[in-house]
C-alpha cells in the first residue's frame, strides 16, 4: 500500500469509529460533504443540514 491509500484507510476508519462512539454515547457526528454542506448525523439515523452556526434544519 502506498501512503495515499494508507491515509484514505485511516480517514475511513476514523469516521466509522466516530459513528460507533456517537451511537454508544447517544450523540451525533458532524461532517462536511463533497458539495460543501455541513451535516449533523445522529445515532438514530436522523440527518440535519446546518445552515449557520447554532442552527439547523431537518433534511
N, C-alpha and C. Protein backbone atom coordinates (compact mmCIF):
# COMPACT_ATOMS: atom_id res chain seq x y z
N UNK A 1 0.84 -1.19 0.00
CA UNK A 1 0.00 0.00 0.00
C UNK A 1 0.88 1.25 0.00
N UNK A 2 0.45 2.24 -0.74
CA UNK A 2 1.22 3.47 -0.70
C UNK A 2 0.66 4.42 0.36
N UNK A 3 1.30 5.54 0.54
CA UNK A 3 0.94 6.48 1.59
C UNK A 3 -0.48 7.01 1.42
N UNK A 4 -0.89 7.32 0.19
CA UNK A 4 -2.24 7.85 -0.06
C UNK A 4 -3.29 6.82 0.35
N UNK A 5 -3.11 5.58 -0.02
CA UNK A 5 -4.07 4.53 0.35
C UNK A 5 -4.12 4.34 1.86
N UNK A 6 -2.96 4.39 2.51
CA UNK A 6 -2.92 4.28 3.97
C UNK A 6 -3.70 5.41 4.62
N UNK A 7 -3.52 6.62 4.12
CA UNK A 7 -4.21 7.78 4.66
C UNK A 7 -5.72 7.67 4.45
N UNK A 8 -6.14 7.24 3.25
CA UNK A 8 -7.56 7.08 2.97
C UNK A 8 -8.19 6.04 3.91
N UNK A 9 -7.46 4.97 4.17
CA UNK A 9 -7.96 3.93 5.08
C UNK A 9 -8.11 4.47 6.49
N UNK A 10 -7.13 5.25 6.96
CA UNK A 10 -7.20 5.83 8.30
C UNK A 10 -8.38 6.81 8.42
N UNK A 11 -8.61 7.60 7.38
CA UNK A 11 -9.74 8.54 7.39
C UNK A 11 -11.05 7.77 7.48
N UNK A 12 -11.18 6.72 6.70
CA UNK A 12 -12.40 5.91 6.72
C UNK A 12 -12.61 5.29 8.10
N UNK A 13 -11.57 4.71 8.67
CA UNK A 13 -11.67 4.09 9.99
C UNK A 13 -12.02 5.11 11.07
N UNK A 14 -11.49 6.32 10.95
CA UNK A 14 -11.80 7.38 11.91
C UNK A 14 -13.28 7.74 11.86
N UNK A 15 -13.84 7.85 10.66
CA UNK A 15 -15.27 8.13 10.51
C UNK A 15 -16.14 7.03 11.08
N UNK A 16 -15.75 5.79 10.82
CA UNK A 16 -16.50 4.65 11.35
C UNK A 16 -16.45 4.63 12.88
N UNK A 17 -15.30 4.93 13.43
CA UNK A 17 -15.14 4.97 14.89
C UNK A 17 -15.99 6.08 15.49
N UNK A 18 -16.03 7.23 14.83
CA UNK A 18 -16.85 8.34 15.32
C UNK A 18 -18.33 7.96 15.34
N UNK A 19 -18.79 7.28 14.31
CA UNK A 19 -20.19 6.83 14.28
C UNK A 19 -20.49 5.86 15.43
N UNK A 20 -19.58 4.93 15.67
CA UNK A 20 -19.76 3.97 16.77
C UNK A 20 -19.82 4.69 18.13
N UNK A 21 -18.92 5.62 18.35
CA UNK A 21 -18.90 6.34 19.61
C UNK A 21 -20.15 7.20 19.77
N UNK A 22 -20.63 7.80 18.68
CA UNK A 22 -21.86 8.59 18.74
C UNK A 22 -23.03 7.70 19.12
N UNK A 23 -23.07 6.50 18.58
CA UNK A 23 -24.16 5.57 18.90
C UNK A 23 -24.11 5.16 20.36
N UNK A 24 -22.93 4.83 20.86
CA UNK A 24 -22.77 4.41 22.25
C UNK A 24 -23.14 5.54 23.21
N UNK A 25 -22.76 6.77 22.86
CA UNK A 25 -22.98 7.91 23.74
C UNK A 25 -24.28 8.67 23.47
N UNK A 26 -25.06 8.22 22.49
CA UNK A 26 -26.33 8.86 22.18
C UNK A 26 -26.20 10.29 21.69
N UNK A 27 -25.19 10.55 20.89
CA UNK A 27 -24.94 11.90 20.40
C UNK A 27 -24.86 11.89 18.87
N UNK A 28 -24.17 12.82 18.27
CA UNK A 28 -24.10 12.93 16.82
C UNK A 28 -22.68 13.21 16.35
N UNK A 29 -22.47 13.05 15.04
CA UNK A 29 -21.21 13.45 14.42
C UNK A 29 -21.51 14.57 13.44
N UNK A 30 -20.52 15.37 13.15
CA UNK A 30 -20.65 16.47 12.20
C UNK A 30 -19.58 16.29 11.14
N UNK A 31 -19.98 16.47 9.87
CA UNK A 31 -19.01 16.37 8.79
C UNK A 31 -19.42 17.25 7.63
N UNK A 32 -18.50 17.46 6.73
CA UNK A 32 -18.73 18.28 5.54
C UNK A 32 -18.80 17.37 4.32
N UNK A 33 -19.84 17.56 3.50
CA UNK A 33 -20.00 16.75 2.29
C UNK A 33 -19.09 17.27 1.18
N UNK A 34 -19.00 16.51 0.11
CA UNK A 34 -18.21 16.94 -1.04
C UNK A 34 -18.74 18.22 -1.66
N UNK A 35 -20.05 18.48 -1.49
CA UNK A 35 -20.66 19.69 -2.04
C UNK A 35 -20.51 20.88 -1.09
N UNK A 36 -19.88 20.69 0.07
CA UNK A 36 -19.61 21.79 0.98
C UNK A 36 -20.65 22.00 2.07
N UNK A 37 -21.65 21.13 2.16
CA UNK A 37 -22.68 21.26 3.19
C UNK A 37 -22.21 20.64 4.50
N UNK A 38 -22.56 21.28 5.62
CA UNK A 38 -22.23 20.76 6.94
C UNK A 38 -23.42 19.92 7.41
N UNK A 39 -23.16 18.70 7.83
CA UNK A 39 -24.19 17.73 8.19
C UNK A 39 -24.01 17.27 9.64
N UNK A 40 -25.13 17.19 10.37
CA UNK A 40 -25.17 16.54 11.68
C UNK A 40 -25.87 15.21 11.47
N UNK A 41 -25.20 14.12 11.82
CA UNK A 41 -25.79 12.79 11.70
C UNK A 41 -25.92 12.19 13.09
N UNK A 42 -27.17 11.96 13.51
CA UNK A 42 -27.45 11.46 14.84
C UNK A 42 -27.37 9.94 14.88
N UNK A 43 -27.17 9.40 16.06
CA UNK A 43 -27.02 7.95 16.25
C UNK A 43 -28.25 7.18 15.80
N UNK A 44 -29.43 7.82 15.85
CA UNK A 44 -30.67 7.14 15.46
C UNK A 44 -30.93 7.20 13.95
N UNK A 45 -30.01 7.80 13.20
CA UNK A 45 -30.13 7.87 11.75
C UNK A 45 -30.67 9.19 11.22
N UNK A 46 -31.17 10.06 12.11
CA UNK A 46 -31.64 11.37 11.67
C UNK A 46 -30.47 12.19 11.15
N UNK A 47 -30.73 12.94 10.07
CA UNK A 47 -29.70 13.79 9.47
C UNK A 47 -30.23 15.20 9.36
N UNK A 48 -29.42 16.18 9.79
CA UNK A 48 -29.78 17.58 9.69
C UNK A 48 -28.67 18.32 8.96
N UNK A 49 -29.08 19.29 8.13
CA UNK A 49 -28.13 20.18 7.48
C UNK A 49 -27.98 21.42 8.35
N UNK A 50 -26.76 21.82 8.64
CA UNK A 50 -26.51 23.01 9.44
C UNK A 50 -26.45 24.20 8.50
N UNK A 51 -27.36 25.17 8.71
CA UNK A 51 -27.42 26.35 7.85
C UNK A 51 -26.41 27.41 8.26
N UNK A 52 -26.31 27.67 9.54
CA UNK A 52 -25.37 28.64 10.06
C UNK A 52 -25.02 28.23 11.48
N UNK A 53 -23.96 28.77 12.05
CA UNK A 53 -23.57 28.36 13.40
C UNK A 53 -24.73 28.49 14.39
N UNK A 54 -25.01 27.40 15.11
CA UNK A 54 -26.04 27.42 16.13
C UNK A 54 -27.43 27.07 15.65
N UNK A 55 -27.62 26.84 14.35
CA UNK A 55 -28.95 26.49 13.85
C UNK A 55 -28.84 25.32 12.89
N UNK A 56 -29.97 24.63 12.68
CA UNK A 56 -30.00 23.52 11.74
C UNK A 56 -31.42 23.34 11.25
N UNK A 57 -31.56 22.61 10.14
CA UNK A 57 -32.89 22.31 9.61
C UNK A 57 -32.95 20.84 9.25
N UNK A 58 -34.14 20.24 9.36
CA UNK A 58 -34.29 18.83 9.02
C UNK A 58 -34.10 18.63 7.54
N UNK A 59 -33.53 17.50 7.17
CA UNK A 59 -33.33 17.17 5.76
C UNK A 59 -34.08 15.93 5.43
